[in-house]
């Protein structure tokens, strides 16, 4: 899949020929292929396309600006938006909940496994996101899907996103 200025292009890996093309506003570089679908995001829209033909399965417009593409987390799509992570159903695009922060999300989410995400909050705090042990913590309309724990509180000049090497998350930062 190639991300162009105003379209997604699927190329046949053996021939290089175009399989399909979909016009879209500028797509974030982070794309997710899962269960026969391709999930992508623009600043204002999250969408699912069938991988085999590019047909748009669903599209949704979250209530706040998207800052990077989606990642797979605990059976859902996790999407970084302004000061929260929105969680969406992969089949319908329906928003199922969110995890709010007191500062902006500063780049893409990084998944070290399907049960843990990493997020840079502001420019100095690194948080680990894990599934909430008890969904009753949220309200009836937005259940608590995830919880966060800050691992680094005051990092300086963090280079994001980090590199994943085996089970290690490698971050370049000055620490005070």
N, C-alpha and C. Protein backbone atom coordinates (compact mmCIF):
# COMPACT_ATOMS: atom_id res chain seq x y z
N UNK A 1 0.86 -1.18 0.00
CA UNK A 1 0.00 0.00 0.00
C UNK A 1 0.90 1.23 0.00
N UNK A 2 0.63 2.13 -0.90
CA UNK A 2 1.37 3.39 -0.96
C UNK A 2 0.45 4.53 -0.52
N UNK A 3 0.98 5.41 0.31
CA UNK A 3 0.24 6.58 0.76
C UNK A 3 0.70 7.76 -0.10
N UNK A 4 -0.19 8.28 -0.92
CA UNK A 4 0.13 9.44 -1.75
C UNK A 4 -0.58 10.66 -1.16
N UNK A 5 -0.34 11.81 -1.72
CA UNK A 5 -0.88 13.05 -1.18
C UNK A 5 -2.40 13.02 -1.03
N UNK A 6 -3.10 12.45 -1.99
CA UNK A 6 -4.56 12.46 -1.93
C UNK A 6 -5.18 11.12 -2.28
N UNK A 7 -4.42 10.03 -2.09
CA UNK A 7 -4.98 8.71 -2.38
C UNK A 7 -4.16 7.59 -1.74
N UNK A 8 -4.81 6.46 -1.58
CA UNK A 8 -4.17 5.22 -1.18
C UNK A 8 -4.09 4.35 -2.43
N UNK A 9 -2.95 3.73 -2.64
CA UNK A 9 -2.76 2.90 -3.82
C UNK A 9 -2.26 1.54 -3.39
N UNK A 10 -2.97 0.48 -3.77
CA UNK A 10 -2.52 -0.89 -3.50
C UNK A 10 -1.84 -1.42 -4.74
N UNK A 11 -0.61 -1.88 -4.56
CA UNK A 11 0.16 -2.43 -5.67
C UNK A 11 0.30 -3.94 -5.50
N UNK A 12 0.28 -4.67 -6.60
CA UNK A 12 0.56 -6.09 -6.57
C UNK A 12 2.04 -6.26 -6.28
N UNK A 13 2.38 -7.01 -5.24
CA UNK A 13 3.78 -7.13 -4.80
C UNK A 13 4.67 -7.83 -5.82
N UNK A 14 4.12 -8.70 -6.65
CA UNK A 14 4.97 -9.40 -7.62
C UNK A 14 5.10 -8.67 -8.95
N UNK A 15 4.04 -7.99 -9.38
CA UNK A 15 4.09 -7.33 -10.69
C UNK A 15 4.30 -5.81 -10.61
N UNK A 16 3.96 -5.21 -9.46
CA UNK A 16 4.05 -3.76 -9.32
C UNK A 16 2.86 -3.03 -9.93
N UNK A 17 1.90 -3.78 -10.47
CA UNK A 17 0.73 -3.16 -11.07
C UNK A 17 -0.26 -2.72 -9.99
N UNK A 18 -0.99 -1.66 -10.31
CA UNK A 18 -1.99 -1.14 -9.38
C UNK A 18 -3.17 -2.11 -9.28
N UNK A 19 -3.48 -2.53 -8.03
CA UNK A 19 -4.64 -3.38 -7.78
C UNK A 19 -5.88 -2.53 -7.57
N UNK A 20 -5.74 -1.46 -6.79
CA UNK A 20 -6.84 -0.53 -6.55
C UNK A 20 -6.29 0.80 -6.08
N UNK A 21 -7.15 1.82 -6.17
CA UNK A 21 -6.78 3.16 -5.75
C UNK A 21 -8.03 3.83 -5.17
N UNK A 22 -7.86 4.51 -4.03
CA UNK A 22 -8.97 5.21 -3.39
C UNK A 22 -8.54 6.64 -3.12
N UNK A 23 -9.34 7.59 -3.59
CA UNK A 23 -9.06 9.00 -3.32
C UNK A 23 -9.49 9.33 -1.89
N UNK A 24 -8.61 10.01 -1.18
CA UNK A 24 -8.88 10.41 0.20
C UNK A 24 -8.14 11.71 0.48
N UNK A 25 -8.55 12.41 1.51
CA UNK A 25 -7.68 13.49 2.00
C UNK A 25 -6.38 12.85 2.50
N UNK A 26 -5.39 13.64 2.84
CA UNK A 26 -4.08 13.14 3.26
C UNK A 26 -4.21 12.14 4.41
N UNK A 27 -3.72 10.93 4.16
CA UNK A 27 -3.76 9.83 5.14
C UNK A 27 -2.48 9.86 5.98
N UNK A 28 -2.61 9.58 7.28
CA UNK A 28 -1.42 9.41 8.12
C UNK A 28 -0.65 8.18 7.67
N UNK A 29 0.65 8.18 7.89
CA UNK A 29 1.51 7.07 7.46
C UNK A 29 1.20 5.75 8.17
N UNK A 30 0.67 5.82 9.39
CA UNK A 30 0.41 4.61 10.16
C UNK A 30 -0.85 3.94 9.62
N UNK A 31 -0.66 2.79 8.98
CA UNK A 31 -1.77 2.00 8.44
C UNK A 31 -1.81 0.68 9.21
N UNK A 32 -2.99 0.11 9.33
CA UNK A 32 -3.15 -1.15 10.05
C UNK A 32 -3.92 -2.13 9.18
N UNK A 33 -3.33 -3.28 8.90
CA UNK A 33 -4.02 -4.35 8.19
C UNK A 33 -4.44 -5.39 9.23
N UNK A 34 -5.74 -5.69 9.25
CA UNK A 34 -6.24 -6.66 10.23
C UNK A 34 -7.51 -7.31 9.70
N UNK A 35 -7.56 -8.62 9.73
CA UNK A 35 -8.77 -9.38 9.42
C UNK A 35 -9.35 -9.01 8.04
N UNK A 36 -8.49 -8.86 7.05
CA UNK A 36 -8.94 -8.58 5.69
C UNK A 36 -9.25 -7.13 5.39
N UNK A 37 -9.06 -6.25 6.38
CA UNK A 37 -9.32 -4.83 6.19
C UNK A 37 -8.05 -4.01 6.39
N UNK A 38 -8.06 -2.84 5.80
CA UNK A 38 -7.01 -1.85 6.00
C UNK A 38 -7.65 -0.69 6.73
N UNK A 39 -7.08 -0.30 7.87
CA UNK A 39 -7.59 0.81 8.65
C UNK A 39 -6.64 1.98 8.49
N UNK A 40 -7.20 3.16 8.24
CA UNK A 40 -6.39 4.35 8.00
C UNK A 40 -7.12 5.56 8.59
N UNK A 41 -6.37 6.65 8.73
CA UNK A 41 -6.98 7.86 9.31
C UNK A 41 -6.45 9.11 8.63
N UNK A 42 -7.32 10.11 8.56
CA UNK A 42 -6.94 11.47 8.19
C UNK A 42 -7.09 12.29 9.48
N UNK A 43 -6.88 13.58 9.42
CA UNK A 43 -7.05 14.41 10.61
C UNK A 43 -8.48 14.40 11.12
N UNK A 44 -9.44 14.13 10.25
CA UNK A 44 -10.86 14.22 10.62
C UNK A 44 -11.65 12.93 10.45
N UNK A 45 -11.01 11.87 9.92
CA UNK A 45 -11.80 10.69 9.59
C UNK A 45 -11.01 9.41 9.80
N UNK A 46 -11.70 8.38 10.29
CA UNK A 46 -11.17 7.03 10.44
C UNK A 46 -11.91 6.17 9.45
N UNK A 47 -11.19 5.33 8.70
CA UNK A 47 -11.88 4.51 7.71
C UNK A 47 -11.32 3.11 7.64
N UNK A 48 -12.19 2.19 7.18
CA UNK A 48 -11.83 0.79 6.95
C UNK A 48 -12.08 0.48 5.48
N UNK A 49 -11.10 -0.14 4.84
CA UNK A 49 -11.22 -0.54 3.44
C UNK A 49 -10.92 -2.03 3.33
N UNK A 50 -11.59 -2.73 2.42
CA UNK A 50 -11.25 -4.13 2.17
C UNK A 50 -9.90 -4.17 1.49
N UNK A 51 -9.02 -5.01 1.99
CA UNK A 51 -7.67 -5.10 1.42
C UNK A 51 -7.67 -5.62 -0.02
N UNK A 52 -8.57 -6.52 -0.35
CA UNK A 52 -8.52 -7.12 -1.69
C UNK A 52 -8.98 -6.21 -2.81
N UNK A 53 -9.90 -5.24 -2.52
CA UNK A 53 -10.39 -4.40 -3.62
C UNK A 53 -10.49 -2.90 -3.29
N UNK A 54 -10.18 -2.50 -2.05
CA UNK A 54 -10.21 -1.08 -1.69
C UNK A 54 -11.60 -0.54 -1.40
N UNK A 55 -12.62 -1.38 -1.41
CA UNK A 55 -13.98 -0.92 -1.10
C UNK A 55 -14.02 -0.35 0.31
N UNK A 56 -14.62 0.83 0.47
CA UNK A 56 -14.75 1.44 1.79
C UNK A 56 -15.85 0.70 2.56
N UNK A 57 -15.47 0.02 3.64
CA UNK A 57 -16.41 -0.75 4.46
C UNK A 57 -17.17 0.20 5.37
N UNK A 58 -16.47 1.13 6.01
CA UNK A 58 -17.09 2.16 6.84
C UNK A 58 -16.14 3.33 6.99
N UNK A 59 -16.71 4.47 7.34
CA UNK A 59 -15.93 5.66 7.69
C UNK A 59 -16.66 6.38 8.80
N UNK A 60 -15.87 6.97 9.69
CA UNK A 60 -16.47 7.69 10.80
C UNK A 60 -15.65 8.94 11.08
N UNK A 61 -16.31 9.94 11.60
CA UNK A 61 -15.65 11.20 11.94
C UNK A 61 -15.65 11.39 13.45
N UNK A 62 -14.54 11.09 14.11
CA UNK A 62 -14.47 11.28 15.56
C UNK A 62 -14.70 12.74 15.93
N UNK A 63 -15.04 12.97 17.20
CA UNK A 63 -15.39 14.32 17.64
C UNK A 63 -14.21 15.26 17.81
N UNK A 64 -12.99 14.73 17.88
CA UNK A 64 -11.82 15.62 17.97
C UNK A 64 -10.78 15.20 16.93
N UNK A 65 -9.84 16.10 16.67
CA UNK A 65 -8.84 15.90 15.62
C UNK A 65 -7.98 14.67 15.88
N UNK A 66 -7.78 13.88 14.86
CA UNK A 66 -6.92 12.70 14.92
C UNK A 66 -5.48 13.17 14.70
N UNK A 67 -4.53 12.61 15.46
CA UNK A 67 -3.14 13.05 15.34
C UNK A 67 -2.23 12.01 14.70
N UNK A 68 -2.69 10.78 14.53
CA UNK A 68 -1.90 9.72 13.87
C UNK A 68 -2.84 8.58 13.53
N UNK A 69 -2.31 7.60 12.80
CA UNK A 69 -3.12 6.46 12.39
C UNK A 69 -3.45 5.51 13.53
N UNK A 70 -4.38 4.57 13.28
CA UNK A 70 -4.83 3.65 14.31
C UNK A 70 -3.84 2.52 14.58
N UNK A 71 -3.97 1.91 15.76
CA UNK A 71 -3.26 0.68 16.11
C UNK A 71 -4.29 -0.29 16.69
N UNK A 72 -3.95 -1.57 16.67
CA UNK A 72 -4.82 -2.61 17.21
C UNK A 72 -4.53 -2.77 18.69
N UNK A 73 -5.58 -2.73 19.53
CA UNK A 73 -5.42 -2.84 20.97
C UNK A 73 -6.59 -3.58 21.58
N UNK A 74 -6.32 -4.75 22.13
CA UNK A 74 -7.33 -5.49 22.88
C UNK A 74 -8.62 -5.70 22.08
N UNK A 75 -8.48 -6.01 20.79
CA UNK A 75 -9.64 -6.28 19.94
C UNK A 75 -10.30 -5.05 19.34
N UNK A 76 -9.74 -3.86 19.60
CA UNK A 76 -10.32 -2.61 19.11
C UNK A 76 -9.28 -1.80 18.34
N UNK A 77 -9.76 -0.76 17.66
CA UNK A 77 -8.85 0.22 17.08
C UNK A 77 -8.63 1.31 18.12
N UNK A 78 -7.37 1.63 18.38
CA UNK A 78 -7.03 2.74 19.27
C UNK A 78 -6.53 3.87 18.38
N UNK A 79 -7.11 5.06 18.55
CA UNK A 79 -6.81 6.19 17.68
C UNK A 79 -6.43 7.40 18.52
N UNK A 80 -5.20 7.92 18.36
CA UNK A 80 -4.81 9.11 19.13
C UNK A 80 -5.49 10.36 18.58
N UNK A 81 -6.13 11.12 19.49
CA UNK A 81 -6.86 12.33 19.12
C UNK A 81 -6.53 13.40 20.15
N UNK A 82 -6.17 14.56 19.71
CA UNK A 82 -5.88 15.70 20.60
C UNK A 82 -5.39 15.26 21.98
N UNK A 83 -6.28 15.20 22.97
CA UNK A 83 -5.89 14.87 24.35
C UNK A 83 -6.50 13.55 24.83
N UNK A 84 -6.85 12.68 23.90
CA UNK A 84 -7.44 11.40 24.30
C UNK A 84 -7.12 10.33 23.27
N UNK A 85 -7.30 9.09 23.70
CA UNK A 85 -7.24 7.95 22.78
C UNK A 85 -8.68 7.46 22.64
N UNK A 86 -9.17 7.44 21.42
CA UNK A 86 -10.52 6.91 21.17
C UNK A 86 -10.42 5.44 20.81
N UNK A 87 -11.39 4.65 21.27
CA UNK A 87 -11.43 3.22 20.98
C UNK A 87 -12.65 2.92 20.12
N UNK A 88 -12.42 2.22 18.99
CA UNK A 88 -13.46 2.01 17.99
C UNK A 88 -13.59 0.53 17.64
N UNK A 89 -14.82 0.13 17.36
CA UNK A 89 -15.10 -1.23 16.93
C UNK A 89 -14.54 -1.44 15.52
N UNK A 90 -13.83 -2.54 15.30
CA UNK A 90 -13.21 -2.79 13.99
C UNK A 90 -14.25 -3.12 12.91
N UNK A 91 -15.40 -3.68 13.30
CA UNK A 91 -16.41 -4.06 12.31
C UNK A 91 -17.30 -2.92 11.85
N UNK A 92 -17.58 -1.97 12.76
CA UNK A 92 -18.56 -0.93 12.43
C UNK A 92 -17.98 0.49 12.46
N UNK A 93 -16.84 0.69 13.13
CA UNK A 93 -16.30 2.03 13.31
C UNK A 93 -16.95 2.79 14.44
N UNK A 94 -17.85 2.14 15.17
CA UNK A 94 -18.54 2.80 16.29
C UNK A 94 -17.58 3.07 17.42
N UNK A 95 -17.64 4.29 17.95
CA UNK A 95 -16.80 4.67 19.08
C UNK A 95 -17.32 3.98 20.33
N UNK A 96 -16.43 3.28 21.05
CA UNK A 96 -16.84 2.52 22.23
C UNK A 96 -16.38 3.15 23.53
N UNK A 97 -15.45 4.09 23.46
CA UNK A 97 -14.96 4.74 24.67
C UNK A 97 -13.71 5.53 24.39
N UNK A 98 -13.14 6.10 25.44
CA UNK A 98 -11.93 6.89 25.30
C UNK A 98 -11.14 6.87 26.60
N UNK A 99 -9.89 7.25 26.50
CA UNK A 99 -9.01 7.44 27.64
C UNK A 99 -8.46 8.85 27.51
N UNK A 100 -8.78 9.70 28.49
CA UNK A 100 -8.43 11.12 28.41
C UNK A 100 -7.13 11.41 29.15
N UNK A 101 -6.40 12.43 28.65
CA UNK A 101 -5.17 12.89 29.26
C UNK A 101 -5.27 14.39 29.50
N UNK A 102 -4.39 14.92 30.34
CA UNK A 102 -4.42 16.35 30.66
C UNK A 102 -3.55 17.19 29.73
N UNK A 103 -2.98 16.57 28.71
CA UNK A 103 -2.15 17.27 27.74
C UNK A 103 -2.31 16.57 26.40
N UNK A 104 -1.73 17.17 25.36
CA UNK A 104 -1.89 16.61 24.02
C UNK A 104 -1.11 15.32 23.84
N UNK A 105 -1.62 14.48 22.95
CA UNK A 105 -0.89 13.29 22.53
C UNK A 105 0.05 13.75 21.43
N UNK A 106 1.33 13.43 21.60
CA UNK A 106 2.37 14.05 20.77
C UNK A 106 2.86 13.21 19.61
N UNK A 107 2.12 12.23 19.19
CA UNK A 107 2.54 11.44 18.04
C UNK A 107 1.80 10.13 17.99
N UNK A 108 2.26 9.22 17.14
CA UNK A 108 1.56 7.94 16.99
C UNK A 108 1.65 7.09 18.25
N UNK A 109 0.66 6.22 18.41
CA UNK A 109 0.70 5.22 19.47
C UNK A 109 1.63 4.11 19.02
N UNK A 110 2.30 3.49 19.97
CA UNK A 110 3.21 2.39 19.66
C UNK A 110 2.71 1.16 20.40
N UNK A 111 2.54 0.06 19.68
CA UNK A 111 2.04 -1.17 20.28
C UNK A 111 3.19 -2.15 20.46
N UNK A 112 3.45 -2.54 21.71
CA UNK A 112 4.49 -3.54 21.94
C UNK A 112 3.88 -4.94 21.94
N UNK A 113 2.58 -5.04 22.12
CA UNK A 113 1.82 -6.28 21.96
C UNK A 113 0.34 -5.89 21.95
N UNK A 114 -0.57 -6.83 21.64
CA UNK A 114 -1.99 -6.44 21.56
C UNK A 114 -2.60 -5.95 22.87
N UNK A 115 -1.89 -6.11 23.98
CA UNK A 115 -2.41 -5.72 25.29
C UNK A 115 -1.70 -4.51 25.89
N UNK A 116 -0.78 -3.89 25.15
CA UNK A 116 -0.07 -2.73 25.70
C UNK A 116 0.27 -1.74 24.59
N UNK A 117 -0.06 -0.47 24.88
CA UNK A 117 0.30 0.63 23.99
C UNK A 117 1.20 1.59 24.75
N UNK A 118 1.95 2.35 24.00
CA UNK A 118 2.79 3.40 24.57
C UNK A 118 2.39 4.71 23.92
N UNK A 119 2.35 5.77 24.72
CA UNK A 119 1.95 7.07 24.20
C UNK A 119 2.82 8.15 24.84
N UNK A 120 3.21 9.13 24.05
CA UNK A 120 3.91 10.30 24.56
C UNK A 120 2.87 11.38 24.81
N UNK A 121 2.75 11.80 26.06
CA UNK A 121 1.77 12.82 26.45
C UNK A 121 2.52 14.12 26.69
N UNK A 122 2.12 15.17 25.96
CA UNK A 122 2.90 16.40 25.99
C UNK A 122 4.25 16.10 25.37
N UNK A 123 5.30 16.68 25.93
CA UNK A 123 6.63 16.40 25.39
C UNK A 123 7.53 15.70 26.40
N UNK A 124 6.97 15.38 27.60
CA UNK A 124 7.85 14.87 28.65
C UNK A 124 7.37 13.62 29.36
N UNK A 125 6.15 13.15 29.06
CA UNK A 125 5.63 12.01 29.82
C UNK A 125 5.31 10.83 28.92
N UNK A 126 5.84 9.67 29.29
CA UNK A 126 5.60 8.43 28.57
C UNK A 126 4.63 7.59 29.39
N UNK A 127 3.54 7.15 28.77
CA UNK A 127 2.54 6.35 29.48
C UNK A 127 2.38 5.00 28.80
N UNK A 128 2.16 3.98 29.63
CA UNK A 128 1.79 2.65 29.15
C UNK A 128 0.28 2.54 29.28
N UNK A 129 -0.37 2.02 28.25
CA UNK A 129 -1.82 1.85 28.23
C UNK A 129 -2.09 0.35 28.23
N UNK A 130 -2.94 -0.08 29.16
CA UNK A 130 -3.31 -1.49 29.27
C UNK A 130 -4.82 -1.61 29.40
N UNK A 131 -5.38 -2.79 29.11
CA UNK A 131 -6.83 -2.95 29.26
C UNK A 131 -7.27 -2.68 30.70
N UNK A 132 -8.42 -2.05 30.86
CA UNK A 132 -8.97 -1.81 32.20
C UNK A 132 -9.41 -3.15 32.78
N UNK A 133 -9.06 -3.42 34.04
CA UNK A 133 -9.43 -4.71 34.63
C UNK A 133 -10.92 -4.81 34.89
N UNK A 134 -11.59 -3.68 35.05
CA UNK A 134 -13.01 -3.68 35.39
C UNK A 134 -13.71 -2.60 34.58
N UNK A 135 -14.51 -3.02 33.62
CA UNK A 135 -15.18 -2.05 32.74
C UNK A 135 -16.21 -1.21 33.47
N UNK A 136 -16.53 -1.50 34.72
CA UNK A 136 -17.54 -0.73 35.44
C UNK A 136 -17.02 0.64 35.88
N UNK A 137 -15.72 0.92 35.66
CA UNK A 137 -15.16 2.21 36.05
C UNK A 137 -15.69 3.35 35.20
N UNK A 138 -16.15 3.06 34.01
CA UNK A 138 -16.64 4.11 33.13
C UNK A 138 -18.14 4.30 33.30
N UNK A 139 -18.71 5.13 32.44
CA UNK A 139 -20.16 5.34 32.48
C UNK A 139 -20.82 4.31 31.58
N UNK A 140 -22.14 4.28 31.58
CA UNK A 140 -22.85 3.32 30.74
C UNK A 140 -22.61 3.60 29.26
N UNK A 141 -22.47 4.87 28.89
CA UNK A 141 -22.28 5.19 27.47
C UNK A 141 -20.82 5.10 27.04
N UNK A 142 -19.88 5.31 27.94
CA UNK A 142 -18.46 5.19 27.59
C UNK A 142 -17.74 4.39 28.68
N UNK A 143 -17.73 3.06 28.54
CA UNK A 143 -17.09 2.23 29.55
C UNK A 143 -15.58 2.45 29.59
N UNK A 144 -14.98 2.16 30.73
CA UNK A 144 -13.52 2.27 30.85
C UNK A 144 -12.92 1.09 30.10
N UNK A 145 -12.30 1.36 28.98
CA UNK A 145 -11.72 0.32 28.15
C UNK A 145 -10.26 0.11 28.50
N UNK A 146 -9.60 1.18 28.94
CA UNK A 146 -8.18 1.10 29.20
C UNK A 146 -7.80 1.98 30.38
N UNK A 147 -6.63 1.74 30.92
CA UNK A 147 -6.08 2.56 31.99
C UNK A 147 -4.66 2.94 31.60
N UNK A 148 -4.15 3.99 32.21
CA UNK A 148 -2.79 4.41 31.89
C UNK A 148 -1.95 4.52 33.15
N UNK A 149 -0.66 4.36 32.97
CA UNK A 149 0.31 4.54 34.04
C UNK A 149 1.51 5.26 33.46
N UNK A 150 1.88 6.38 34.07
CA UNK A 150 3.04 7.11 33.57
C UNK A 150 4.31 6.43 34.04
N UNK A 151 5.18 6.12 33.10
CA UNK A 151 6.45 5.45 33.40
C UNK A 151 7.58 6.46 33.52
N UNK A 152 7.53 7.47 32.68
CA UNK A 152 8.54 8.54 32.75
C UNK A 152 7.76 9.84 32.90
N UNK A 153 8.05 10.62 33.92
CA UNK A 153 7.31 11.84 34.19
C UNK A 153 7.96 13.09 33.62
N UNK A 154 9.28 13.10 33.48
CA UNK A 154 9.94 14.35 33.12
C UNK A 154 11.10 14.12 32.15
N UNK A 155 10.82 13.48 31.05
CA UNK A 155 11.85 13.27 30.03
C UNK A 155 12.02 14.55 29.23
N UNK A 156 13.20 14.80 28.77
CA UNK A 156 13.46 15.99 27.95
C UNK A 156 13.85 15.55 26.55
N UNK A 157 13.34 16.24 25.56
CA UNK A 157 13.71 16.02 24.15
C UNK A 157 13.54 14.56 23.72
N UNK A 158 12.36 13.99 23.98
CA UNK A 158 12.09 12.62 23.59
C UNK A 158 11.97 12.53 22.08
N UNK A 159 12.64 11.55 21.49
CA UNK A 159 12.50 11.30 20.06
C UNK A 159 11.42 10.23 19.90
N UNK A 160 10.32 10.61 19.26
CA UNK A 160 9.16 9.73 19.13
C UNK A 160 8.84 9.51 17.69
N UNK A 161 8.45 8.36 17.22
CA UNK A 161 8.18 7.18 18.01
C UNK A 161 9.46 6.42 18.36
N UNK A 162 9.40 5.58 19.40
CA UNK A 162 10.55 4.78 19.80
C UNK A 162 10.73 3.59 18.87
N UNK A 163 11.77 2.84 19.09
CA UNK A 163 12.02 1.61 18.33
C UNK A 163 11.68 0.43 19.21
N UNK A 164 11.03 -0.57 18.63
CA UNK A 164 10.77 -1.82 19.33
C UNK A 164 11.81 -2.84 18.90
N UNK A 165 12.54 -3.37 19.85
CA UNK A 165 13.53 -4.40 19.59
C UNK A 165 13.24 -5.56 20.54
N UNK A 166 12.68 -6.65 20.00
CA UNK A 166 12.25 -7.76 20.86
C UNK A 166 11.21 -7.26 21.84
N UNK A 167 11.45 -7.45 23.12
CA UNK A 167 10.53 -6.98 24.15
C UNK A 167 10.95 -5.63 24.72
N UNK A 168 11.90 -4.97 24.09
CA UNK A 168 12.39 -3.70 24.61
C UNK A 168 11.87 -2.52 23.80
N UNK A 169 11.52 -1.46 24.50
CA UNK A 169 11.12 -0.20 23.91
C UNK A 169 12.31 0.73 24.06
N UNK A 170 12.92 1.11 22.95
CA UNK A 170 14.12 1.94 23.01
C UNK A 170 13.74 3.39 22.72
N UNK A 171 14.05 4.28 23.68
CA UNK A 171 13.70 5.68 23.57
C UNK A 171 14.96 6.51 23.69
N UNK A 172 15.12 7.47 22.81
CA UNK A 172 16.22 8.43 22.94
C UNK A 172 15.64 9.67 23.59
N UNK A 173 16.21 10.06 24.75
CA UNK A 173 15.72 11.23 25.46
C UNK A 173 16.78 11.71 26.45
N UNK A 174 16.69 12.99 26.76
CA UNK A 174 17.47 13.51 27.86
C UNK A 174 16.60 13.37 29.10
N UNK A 175 17.16 12.98 30.22
CA UNK A 175 16.37 12.76 31.43
C UNK A 175 16.87 13.68 32.53
N UNK A 176 15.93 14.36 33.19
CA UNK A 176 16.35 15.27 34.26
C UNK A 176 15.88 14.78 35.61
